N, C-alpha and C. Protein backbone atom coordinates (compact mmCIF):
# COMPACT_ATOMS: atom_id res chain seq x y z
N GLY A 1 68.38 86.70 86.28
CA GLY A 1 67.75 86.08 87.31
C GLY A 1 67.38 86.83 88.55
N ASN A 2 68.24 86.73 89.55
CA ASN A 2 67.88 87.26 90.87
C ASN A 2 68.76 88.44 91.25
N LYS A 3 68.52 88.98 92.44
CA LYS A 3 69.28 90.14 92.92
C LYS A 3 70.78 89.86 92.97
N ASN A 4 71.14 88.64 93.40
CA ASN A 4 72.54 88.25 93.49
C ASN A 4 73.22 88.35 92.13
N SER A 5 72.57 87.86 91.07
CA SER A 5 73.19 87.90 89.75
C SER A 5 73.31 89.32 89.22
N ILE A 6 72.37 90.20 89.58
CA ILE A 6 72.45 91.59 89.17
C ILE A 6 73.69 92.24 89.78
N TYR A 7 73.92 91.99 91.09
CA TYR A 7 75.10 92.56 91.74
C TYR A 7 76.38 92.01 91.13
N LYS A 8 76.39 90.74 90.78
CA LYS A 8 77.57 90.15 90.16
C LYS A 8 77.85 90.79 88.81
N THR A 9 76.78 91.01 88.04
CA THR A 9 76.93 91.63 86.73
C THR A 9 77.53 93.03 86.87
N LEU A 10 77.09 93.75 87.88
CA LEU A 10 77.59 95.10 88.11
C LEU A 10 78.96 95.11 88.78
N GLY A 11 79.40 93.93 89.25
CA GLY A 11 80.69 93.85 89.94
C GLY A 11 80.62 94.38 91.36
N ALA A 12 79.43 94.44 91.90
CA ALA A 12 79.24 94.99 93.24
C ALA A 12 79.41 93.91 94.30
N SER A 13 79.61 94.36 95.52
CA SER A 13 79.68 93.44 96.64
C SER A 13 78.33 92.76 96.83
N ASN A 14 78.37 91.51 97.28
CA ASN A 14 77.12 90.80 97.50
C ASN A 14 76.68 90.88 98.95
N HIS A 15 77.13 91.88 99.67
CA HIS A 15 76.63 92.12 101.02
C HIS A 15 76.67 93.61 101.30
N THR A 16 75.87 94.03 102.28
CA THR A 16 75.82 95.43 102.65
C THR A 16 76.26 95.57 104.08
N ASP A 17 76.41 96.80 104.54
CA ASP A 17 76.76 97.03 105.94
C ASP A 17 75.73 96.39 106.85
N LYS A 18 74.47 96.38 106.41
CA LYS A 18 73.38 95.87 107.24
C LYS A 18 73.54 94.38 107.54
N ASP A 19 74.02 93.58 106.54
CA ASP A 19 74.09 92.15 106.78
C ASP A 19 75.52 91.64 106.98
N ARG A 20 76.46 92.54 107.29
CA ARG A 20 77.82 92.10 107.58
C ARG A 20 77.86 91.38 108.92
N GLU A 21 78.76 90.43 109.01
CA GLU A 21 78.94 89.68 110.25
C GLU A 21 79.43 90.64 111.33
N GLU A 22 78.94 90.46 112.56
CA GLU A 22 79.20 91.41 113.64
C GLU A 22 80.68 91.70 113.85
N ASN A 23 81.51 90.69 113.85
CA ASN A 23 82.95 90.87 114.06
C ASN A 23 83.74 90.81 112.76
N ASP A 24 83.06 91.02 111.63
CA ASP A 24 83.69 91.05 110.31
C ASP A 24 84.41 89.74 110.01
N TYR A 25 83.77 88.62 110.38
CA TYR A 25 84.37 87.30 110.16
C TYR A 25 83.92 86.72 108.83
N TYR A 26 84.84 86.72 107.88
CA TYR A 26 84.63 86.11 106.57
C TYR A 26 85.80 85.17 106.32
N ALA A 27 85.54 83.88 106.48
CA ALA A 27 86.60 82.88 106.34
C ALA A 27 87.06 82.78 104.89
N THR A 28 88.36 82.58 104.72
CA THR A 28 88.94 82.47 103.39
C THR A 28 89.09 81.01 103.02
N GLU A 29 88.70 80.68 101.80
CA GLU A 29 88.85 79.29 101.38
C GLU A 29 90.34 78.93 101.36
N PRO A 30 90.69 77.72 101.84
CA PRO A 30 92.10 77.31 101.93
C PRO A 30 92.87 77.41 100.62
N LYS A 31 92.20 77.23 99.50
CA LYS A 31 92.86 77.30 98.19
C LYS A 31 93.62 78.61 98.03
N ALA A 32 93.11 79.70 98.62
CA ALA A 32 93.75 81.01 98.47
C ALA A 32 95.18 80.99 99.00
N VAL A 33 95.37 80.43 100.19
CA VAL A 33 96.72 80.41 100.77
C VAL A 33 97.58 79.34 100.11
N GLU A 34 96.96 78.26 99.66
CA GLU A 34 97.73 77.23 98.94
C GLU A 34 98.35 77.84 97.67
N LEU A 35 97.57 78.67 96.98
CA LEU A 35 98.09 79.35 95.79
C LEU A 35 99.18 80.35 96.14
N LEU A 36 99.00 81.08 97.25
CA LEU A 36 100.03 82.03 97.69
C LEU A 36 101.35 81.31 97.95
N LEU A 37 101.28 80.15 98.58
CA LEU A 37 102.50 79.41 98.92
C LEU A 37 103.23 78.88 97.68
N GLU A 38 102.55 78.85 96.54
CA GLU A 38 103.22 78.50 95.29
C GLU A 38 103.96 79.72 94.71
N LEU A 39 103.57 80.91 95.16
CA LEU A 39 104.13 82.16 94.63
C LEU A 39 105.23 82.74 95.52
N GLU A 40 105.13 82.53 96.82
CA GLU A 40 106.05 83.12 97.79
C GLU A 40 106.53 82.05 98.76
N ASP A 41 107.78 82.14 99.18
CA ASP A 41 108.35 81.20 100.14
C ASP A 41 108.27 81.79 101.55
N PHE A 42 107.61 81.07 102.43
CA PHE A 42 107.50 81.47 103.84
C PHE A 42 108.07 80.39 104.76
N SER A 43 108.81 79.45 104.20
CA SER A 43 109.22 78.26 104.96
C SER A 43 110.39 78.48 105.91
N ASP A 44 111.06 79.64 105.81
CA ASP A 44 112.27 79.85 106.61
C ASP A 44 112.00 80.31 108.04
N LYS A 45 110.77 80.74 108.33
CA LYS A 45 110.47 81.28 109.67
C LYS A 45 109.07 80.85 110.08
N PRO A 46 108.76 80.94 111.38
CA PRO A 46 107.39 80.67 111.82
C PRO A 46 106.42 81.71 111.25
N ILE A 47 105.15 81.30 111.15
CA ILE A 47 104.11 82.18 110.61
C ILE A 47 103.07 82.45 111.70
N LEU A 48 102.65 83.70 111.78
CA LEU A 48 101.55 84.08 112.66
C LEU A 48 100.32 84.32 111.79
N GLU A 49 99.20 83.67 112.16
CA GLU A 49 97.90 83.94 111.54
C GLU A 49 97.06 84.60 112.62
N PRO A 50 97.02 85.95 112.67
CA PRO A 50 96.41 86.66 113.79
C PRO A 50 94.90 86.86 113.73
N ALA A 51 94.26 86.41 112.65
CA ALA A 51 92.80 86.49 112.52
C ALA A 51 92.32 85.14 111.98
N CYS A 52 92.63 84.09 112.73
CA CYS A 52 92.52 82.72 112.21
C CYS A 52 91.10 82.19 112.08
N GLY A 53 90.12 82.82 112.73
CA GLY A 53 88.76 82.30 112.62
C GLY A 53 88.68 80.85 113.05
N GLN A 54 88.20 80.00 112.17
CA GLN A 54 88.08 78.57 112.45
C GLN A 54 89.27 77.78 111.94
N GLY A 55 90.32 78.48 111.49
CA GLY A 55 91.56 77.81 111.11
C GLY A 55 91.68 77.39 109.66
N HIS A 56 90.88 77.95 108.78
CA HIS A 56 90.93 77.54 107.37
C HIS A 56 92.31 77.75 106.75
N LEU A 57 92.88 78.96 106.91
CA LEU A 57 94.21 79.23 106.34
C LEU A 57 95.30 78.52 107.14
N SER A 58 95.18 78.52 108.46
CA SER A 58 96.19 77.89 109.31
C SER A 58 96.36 76.42 108.99
N GLU A 59 95.25 75.71 108.87
CA GLU A 59 95.32 74.28 108.57
C GLU A 59 95.94 74.02 107.20
N ALA A 60 95.59 74.85 106.23
CA ALA A 60 96.18 74.69 104.89
C ALA A 60 97.69 74.91 104.93
N MET A 61 98.14 75.89 105.72
CA MET A 61 99.58 76.14 105.83
C MET A 61 100.27 75.01 106.58
N LYS A 62 99.65 74.52 107.65
CA LYS A 62 100.23 73.38 108.39
C LYS A 62 100.33 72.15 107.50
N ASN A 63 99.34 71.94 106.64
CA ASN A 63 99.36 70.81 105.72
C ASN A 63 100.52 70.90 104.74
N LYS A 64 101.06 72.11 104.56
CA LYS A 64 102.23 72.31 103.69
C LYS A 64 103.53 72.24 104.50
N GLY A 65 103.41 71.87 105.79
CA GLY A 65 104.60 71.70 106.62
C GLY A 65 105.10 72.96 107.28
N LEU A 66 104.31 74.03 107.29
CA LEU A 66 104.76 75.28 107.88
C LEU A 66 104.45 75.34 109.38
N ASN A 67 105.28 76.06 110.10
CA ASN A 67 105.12 76.25 111.54
C ASN A 67 104.21 77.47 111.75
N VAL A 68 102.97 77.22 112.18
CA VAL A 68 101.96 78.28 112.25
C VAL A 68 101.44 78.46 113.67
N THR A 69 101.42 79.70 114.13
CA THR A 69 100.75 80.07 115.38
C THR A 69 99.48 80.80 114.99
N SER A 70 98.35 80.35 115.56
CA SER A 70 97.05 80.89 115.18
C SER A 70 96.41 81.60 116.36
N ALA A 71 95.81 82.76 116.07
CA ALA A 71 95.16 83.55 117.12
C ALA A 71 93.97 84.28 116.52
N ASP A 72 93.05 84.68 117.39
CA ASP A 72 91.90 85.48 116.95
C ASP A 72 91.35 86.22 118.16
N LEU A 73 90.72 87.33 117.89
CA LEU A 73 90.08 88.12 118.94
C LEU A 73 88.88 87.38 119.54
N VAL A 74 88.19 86.60 118.69
CA VAL A 74 86.98 85.88 119.09
C VAL A 74 87.27 84.39 119.13
N ASP A 75 86.78 83.72 120.16
CA ASP A 75 86.95 82.27 120.28
C ASP A 75 86.00 81.57 119.31
N ARG A 76 86.56 80.99 118.26
CA ARG A 76 85.78 80.22 117.29
C ARG A 76 86.20 78.75 117.33
N GLY A 77 86.82 78.37 118.46
CA GLY A 77 87.21 76.97 118.63
C GLY A 77 88.54 76.62 118.00
N TYR A 78 89.32 77.64 117.62
CA TYR A 78 90.61 77.37 116.97
C TYR A 78 91.59 78.46 117.37
N GLY A 79 92.80 78.09 117.71
CA GLY A 79 93.84 79.07 118.03
C GLY A 79 93.66 79.67 119.41
N ILE A 80 94.58 80.57 119.74
CA ILE A 80 94.53 81.26 121.03
C ILE A 80 93.72 82.54 120.90
N ILE A 81 93.22 83.03 122.02
CA ILE A 81 92.46 84.28 122.02
C ILE A 81 93.45 85.42 122.23
N SER A 82 93.50 86.33 121.26
CA SER A 82 94.45 87.43 121.34
C SER A 82 93.99 88.58 120.45
N ASP A 83 94.14 89.79 120.95
CA ASP A 83 93.84 91.00 120.19
C ASP A 83 95.12 91.43 119.49
N PHE A 84 95.21 91.16 118.19
CA PHE A 84 96.41 91.46 117.43
C PHE A 84 96.81 92.93 117.52
N LEU A 85 95.83 93.81 117.57
CA LEU A 85 96.11 95.24 117.57
C LEU A 85 96.48 95.77 118.96
N SER A 86 96.46 94.91 119.96
CA SER A 86 96.81 95.31 121.32
C SER A 86 98.27 95.71 121.43
N TYR A 87 98.55 96.63 122.34
CA TYR A 87 99.93 97.06 122.58
C TYR A 87 100.79 95.90 123.08
N GLU A 88 100.16 94.86 123.61
CA GLU A 88 100.90 93.71 124.14
C GLU A 88 101.61 92.93 123.03
N ASN A 89 101.09 92.99 121.81
CA ASN A 89 101.73 92.32 120.69
C ASN A 89 102.82 93.24 120.13
N GLU A 90 104.01 93.08 120.66
CA GLU A 90 105.11 94.00 120.33
C GLU A 90 106.09 93.45 119.30
N TYR A 91 106.15 92.11 119.16
CA TYR A 91 107.19 91.53 118.31
C TYR A 91 106.78 90.14 117.83
N TRP A 92 107.07 89.87 116.56
CA TRP A 92 106.89 88.52 116.02
C TRP A 92 108.12 88.18 115.19
N ASN A 93 108.79 87.09 115.55
CA ASN A 93 110.01 86.67 114.87
C ASN A 93 109.66 85.73 113.72
N GLY A 94 109.08 86.28 112.68
CA GLY A 94 108.70 85.47 111.53
C GLY A 94 107.83 86.26 110.57
N HIS A 95 107.02 85.53 109.81
CA HIS A 95 106.13 86.12 108.82
C HIS A 95 104.71 86.19 109.38
N ILE A 96 103.87 87.01 108.75
CA ILE A 96 102.46 87.12 109.14
C ILE A 96 101.61 86.97 107.88
N ILE A 97 100.65 86.03 107.94
CA ILE A 97 99.74 85.77 106.82
C ILE A 97 98.33 85.73 107.37
N THR A 98 97.43 86.54 106.79
CA THR A 98 96.05 86.54 107.26
C THR A 98 95.11 87.20 106.27
N ASN A 99 93.83 86.97 106.50
CA ASN A 99 92.75 87.76 105.91
C ASN A 99 92.23 88.59 107.08
N PRO A 100 92.64 89.84 107.18
CA PRO A 100 92.25 90.65 108.34
C PRO A 100 90.79 91.07 108.27
N PRO A 101 90.21 91.42 109.41
CA PRO A 101 88.87 92.04 109.34
C PRO A 101 88.99 93.30 108.47
N TYR A 102 88.18 93.38 107.44
CA TYR A 102 88.34 94.43 106.44
C TYR A 102 88.30 95.83 107.05
N ILE A 103 87.45 96.04 108.04
CA ILE A 103 87.34 97.38 108.63
C ILE A 103 88.61 97.78 109.39
N TYR A 104 89.45 96.80 109.72
CA TYR A 104 90.71 97.09 110.43
C TYR A 104 91.94 96.72 109.60
N ALA A 105 91.76 96.56 108.30
CA ALA A 105 92.86 96.10 107.45
C ALA A 105 94.07 97.02 107.51
N THR A 106 93.85 98.33 107.45
CA THR A 106 94.98 99.27 107.49
C THR A 106 95.74 99.14 108.80
N GLU A 107 94.99 99.04 109.91
CA GLU A 107 95.64 98.88 111.22
C GLU A 107 96.41 97.57 111.30
N PHE A 108 95.85 96.50 110.73
CA PHE A 108 96.54 95.19 110.73
C PHE A 108 97.84 95.28 109.94
N ILE A 109 97.80 95.95 108.80
CA ILE A 109 99.00 96.07 107.97
C ILE A 109 100.10 96.83 108.72
N LYS A 110 99.75 97.99 109.26
CA LYS A 110 100.74 98.79 109.98
C LYS A 110 101.31 98.04 111.18
N LYS A 111 100.43 97.39 111.92
CA LYS A 111 100.86 96.64 113.10
C LYS A 111 101.79 95.50 112.69
N ALA A 112 101.39 94.73 111.69
CA ALA A 112 102.19 93.59 111.25
C ALA A 112 103.59 94.02 110.82
N ILE A 113 103.66 95.07 110.03
CA ILE A 113 104.97 95.53 109.56
C ILE A 113 105.81 96.04 110.73
N SER A 114 105.16 96.65 111.70
CA SER A 114 105.91 97.24 112.82
C SER A 114 106.50 96.19 113.77
N ILE A 115 105.93 94.98 113.80
CA ILE A 115 106.38 94.00 114.80
C ILE A 115 107.27 92.90 114.23
N ILE A 116 107.63 92.97 112.95
CA ILE A 116 108.51 91.96 112.37
C ILE A 116 109.88 92.56 112.06
N ASP A 117 110.85 91.67 111.85
CA ASP A 117 112.22 92.09 111.51
C ASP A 117 112.34 92.36 110.01
N GLU A 118 113.35 93.14 109.65
CA GLU A 118 113.65 93.39 108.24
C GLU A 118 113.86 92.07 107.52
N GLY A 119 113.33 92.00 106.30
CA GLY A 119 113.45 90.78 105.50
C GLY A 119 112.28 89.84 105.67
N ASN A 120 111.53 89.97 106.76
CA ASN A 120 110.35 89.13 106.97
C ASN A 120 109.17 89.71 106.19
N LYS A 121 108.15 88.86 105.97
CA LYS A 121 107.05 89.24 105.09
C LYS A 121 105.71 89.27 105.80
N VAL A 122 104.84 90.12 105.25
CA VAL A 122 103.44 90.21 105.67
C VAL A 122 102.61 89.98 104.41
N ALA A 123 101.66 89.04 104.48
CA ALA A 123 100.76 88.78 103.36
C ALA A 123 99.33 88.94 103.84
N MET A 124 98.60 89.84 103.21
CA MET A 124 97.21 90.12 103.57
C MET A 124 96.31 89.82 102.38
N PHE A 125 95.27 89.04 102.62
CA PHE A 125 94.28 88.71 101.60
C PHE A 125 93.16 89.74 101.69
N LEU A 126 93.07 90.58 100.66
CA LEU A 126 92.14 91.71 100.68
C LEU A 126 91.46 91.88 99.33
N LYS A 127 90.38 92.62 99.32
CA LYS A 127 89.71 92.95 98.08
C LYS A 127 90.65 93.74 97.17
N VAL A 128 90.52 93.58 95.88
CA VAL A 128 91.26 94.41 94.92
C VAL A 128 90.89 95.87 95.15
N GLN A 129 89.66 96.12 95.52
CA GLN A 129 89.14 97.46 95.81
C GLN A 129 89.94 98.15 96.92
N PHE A 130 90.69 97.40 97.72
CA PHE A 130 91.49 97.98 98.79
C PHE A 130 92.54 98.96 98.24
N LEU A 131 92.84 98.87 96.96
CA LEU A 131 93.81 99.78 96.34
C LEU A 131 93.30 101.21 96.25
N GLU A 132 91.98 101.39 96.33
CA GLU A 132 91.38 102.71 96.14
C GLU A 132 91.44 103.56 97.40
N GLY A 133 91.34 104.86 97.22
CA GLY A 133 91.13 105.79 98.32
C GLY A 133 92.36 106.61 98.68
N LYS A 134 92.12 107.86 99.12
CA LYS A 134 93.22 108.78 99.47
C LYS A 134 93.97 108.32 100.72
N LYS A 135 93.24 107.83 101.72
CA LYS A 135 93.91 107.35 102.94
C LYS A 135 94.78 106.14 102.64
N ARG A 136 94.28 105.27 101.77
CA ARG A 136 95.08 104.09 101.43
C ARG A 136 96.26 104.45 100.55
N LYS A 137 96.11 105.51 99.76
CA LYS A 137 97.27 105.97 98.98
C LYS A 137 98.39 106.36 99.93
N GLN A 138 98.04 107.01 101.02
CA GLN A 138 99.05 107.36 102.04
C GLN A 138 99.68 106.09 102.62
N LEU A 139 98.84 105.09 102.90
CA LEU A 139 99.35 103.82 103.42
C LEU A 139 100.34 103.20 102.45
N PHE A 140 99.95 103.11 101.17
CA PHE A 140 100.81 102.48 100.17
C PHE A 140 102.06 103.30 99.86
N THR A 141 101.99 104.61 100.07
CA THR A 141 103.17 105.46 99.89
C THR A 141 104.16 105.21 101.02
N GLU A 142 103.63 105.12 102.24
CA GLU A 142 104.49 104.89 103.40
C GLU A 142 104.97 103.44 103.50
N TYR A 143 104.09 102.52 103.13
CA TYR A 143 104.40 101.08 103.21
C TYR A 143 104.09 100.43 101.85
N PRO A 144 104.96 100.62 100.87
CA PRO A 144 104.67 100.02 99.56
C PRO A 144 104.80 98.49 99.61
N PRO A 145 103.76 97.79 99.15
CA PRO A 145 103.89 96.33 99.07
C PRO A 145 104.99 95.98 98.08
N LYS A 146 105.65 94.86 98.30
CA LYS A 146 106.64 94.39 97.34
C LYS A 146 105.91 93.84 96.11
N THR A 147 104.87 93.01 96.36
CA THR A 147 104.13 92.39 95.27
C THR A 147 102.64 92.35 95.62
N ILE A 148 101.81 92.58 94.63
CA ILE A 148 100.37 92.36 94.76
C ILE A 148 100.00 91.32 93.72
N TYR A 149 99.43 90.22 94.19
CA TYR A 149 98.99 89.13 93.33
C TYR A 149 97.47 89.18 93.20
N VAL A 150 96.98 89.51 92.03
CA VAL A 150 95.55 89.61 91.78
C VAL A 150 95.03 88.26 91.29
N SER A 151 93.98 87.77 91.93
CA SER A 151 93.40 86.49 91.52
C SER A 151 92.57 86.68 90.26
N SER A 152 92.91 85.92 89.21
CA SER A 152 92.17 86.00 87.95
C SER A 152 90.83 85.29 88.03
N SER A 153 90.70 84.35 88.96
CA SER A 153 89.43 83.67 89.20
C SER A 153 88.95 84.06 90.59
N ARG A 154 87.65 83.99 90.81
CA ARG A 154 87.10 84.38 92.10
C ARG A 154 87.43 83.34 93.17
N LEU A 155 87.90 83.84 94.32
CA LEU A 155 88.13 83.02 95.50
C LEU A 155 87.06 83.40 96.52
N LEU A 156 86.73 82.47 97.38
CA LEU A 156 85.61 82.67 98.29
C LEU A 156 86.03 83.12 99.68
N CYS A 157 85.27 84.05 100.23
CA CYS A 157 85.34 84.42 101.64
C CYS A 157 83.90 84.31 102.15
N ALA A 158 83.68 83.34 103.02
CA ALA A 158 82.32 83.02 103.44
C ALA A 158 81.98 83.62 104.80
N LYS A 159 80.86 84.32 104.85
CA LYS A 159 80.36 84.90 106.09
C LYS A 159 80.22 83.81 107.14
N ASN A 160 80.84 84.03 108.30
CA ASN A 160 80.82 83.08 109.41
C ASN A 160 81.38 81.71 109.02
N GLY A 161 82.19 81.64 107.98
CA GLY A 161 82.80 80.38 107.56
C GLY A 161 81.85 79.42 106.89
N ASP A 162 80.67 79.88 106.47
CA ASP A 162 79.67 79.01 105.87
C ASP A 162 79.84 78.97 104.35
N PHE A 163 80.81 78.16 103.89
CA PHE A 163 81.09 78.06 102.46
C PHE A 163 79.95 77.40 101.70
N GLU A 164 79.30 76.42 102.32
CA GLU A 164 78.21 75.71 101.66
C GLU A 164 77.08 76.67 101.28
N LYS A 165 76.71 77.53 102.23
CA LYS A 165 75.65 78.50 101.97
C LYS A 165 76.07 79.47 100.87
N MET A 166 77.33 79.87 100.88
CA MET A 166 77.80 80.81 99.88
C MET A 166 77.78 80.20 98.48
N ILE A 167 78.22 78.95 98.37
CA ILE A 167 78.23 78.28 97.08
C ILE A 167 76.81 78.12 96.55
N LYS A 168 75.89 77.74 97.45
CA LYS A 168 74.48 77.61 97.04
C LYS A 168 73.92 78.96 96.59
N GLY A 169 74.44 80.05 97.16
CA GLY A 169 73.98 81.39 96.80
C GLY A 169 74.59 81.92 95.52
N GLY A 170 75.47 81.14 94.90
CA GLY A 170 76.02 81.55 93.61
C GLY A 170 77.47 81.99 93.63
N GLY A 171 78.17 81.84 94.77
CA GLY A 171 79.59 82.17 94.80
C GLY A 171 79.85 83.60 95.22
N SER A 172 80.91 84.18 94.67
CA SER A 172 81.37 85.49 95.12
C SER A 172 81.31 86.53 93.99
N ALA A 173 80.97 87.75 94.38
CA ALA A 173 80.98 88.87 93.43
C ALA A 173 82.19 89.77 93.67
N VAL A 174 83.12 89.32 94.54
CA VAL A 174 84.23 90.16 94.96
C VAL A 174 85.55 89.63 94.39
N ALA A 175 86.38 90.54 93.89
CA ALA A 175 87.71 90.19 93.39
C ALA A 175 88.72 90.40 94.52
N TYR A 176 89.61 89.41 94.71
CA TYR A 176 90.59 89.47 95.79
C TYR A 176 92.02 89.44 95.26
N ALA A 177 92.93 89.84 96.14
CA ALA A 177 94.36 89.80 95.84
C ALA A 177 95.13 89.52 97.12
N TRP A 178 96.33 88.99 96.96
CA TRP A 178 97.28 88.90 98.07
C TRP A 178 98.20 90.11 97.97
N TYR A 179 98.27 90.87 99.04
CA TYR A 179 99.17 92.01 99.15
C TYR A 179 100.34 91.55 100.01
N VAL A 180 101.55 91.59 99.45
CA VAL A 180 102.72 91.06 100.17
C VAL A 180 103.74 92.16 100.39
N TRP A 181 104.07 92.39 101.65
CA TRP A 181 105.12 93.33 102.04
C TRP A 181 106.34 92.55 102.49
N GLU A 182 107.52 93.06 102.19
CA GLU A 182 108.76 92.55 102.76
C GLU A 182 109.39 93.73 103.48
N LYS A 183 109.51 93.61 104.78
CA LYS A 183 110.00 94.76 105.56
C LYS A 183 111.40 95.14 105.10
N GLY A 184 111.58 96.41 104.80
CA GLY A 184 112.86 96.91 104.32
C GLY A 184 112.95 96.99 102.80
N TYR A 185 111.94 96.45 102.10
CA TYR A 185 111.96 96.49 100.64
C TYR A 185 111.87 97.93 100.15
N ILE A 186 112.74 98.27 99.21
CA ILE A 186 112.71 99.59 98.58
C ILE A 186 112.56 99.38 97.09
N GLY A 187 111.57 100.00 96.52
CA GLY A 187 111.33 99.84 95.08
C GLY A 187 109.86 99.95 94.77
N ASN A 188 109.55 99.78 93.51
CA ASN A 188 108.16 99.85 93.08
C ASN A 188 107.43 98.55 93.37
N THR A 189 106.14 98.65 93.56
CA THR A 189 105.31 97.47 93.76
C THR A 189 105.18 96.72 92.44
N ILE A 190 105.34 95.40 92.51
CA ILE A 190 105.20 94.55 91.34
C ILE A 190 103.78 94.00 91.34
N LEU A 191 103.10 94.10 90.22
CA LEU A 191 101.75 93.58 90.08
C LEU A 191 101.78 92.31 89.25
N LYS A 192 101.22 91.23 89.79
CA LYS A 192 101.19 89.95 89.09
C LYS A 192 99.78 89.37 89.20
N TRP A 193 99.49 88.42 88.32
CA TRP A 193 98.21 87.73 88.35
C TRP A 193 98.45 86.26 88.62
N PHE A 194 97.49 85.62 89.28
CA PHE A 194 97.58 84.19 89.56
C PHE A 194 96.18 83.58 89.46
N ASN A 195 96.12 82.28 89.55
CA ASN A 195 94.85 81.55 89.61
C ASN A 195 94.07 81.71 88.32
């Protein structure tokens, strides 16, 4: 058919640098975090969602009875305005769950792990492709995830939170996974599939 289907067939991304959202805002469908919560327990501590956008993940977590604090660099009408990577964010007494801006994903991971206590968890929703690259190999060597959950079915991340437009455009050509760190974990990364 069309250009979109060609990119899907090739397994390529369905967007380019030219048409990326200015602040790298791609909202995650709530189903993604609902599935994560079936795989991992985060109920013992408060959760920080530091790139909350319009609250898609935060609301899904709250609907499961979790205590969630939501923040974002940009005011999208949900959560507090806060720069997660700022030096002012020195400590979080709980877990961190987010879909970080992809261009700052490495910085988000390092920051999140640095500001939580041992035993607490960080869960980042990222492309499977995030596993590639020499710089990321260094990241994973220094901060090995405890578990990576690869989604067997495509989950949606919609530019500017516009899921309707994305669905009309044919869905997603991108494979995603939840990368979960537990601070203090020593051992090999466990790879699992879900969805």
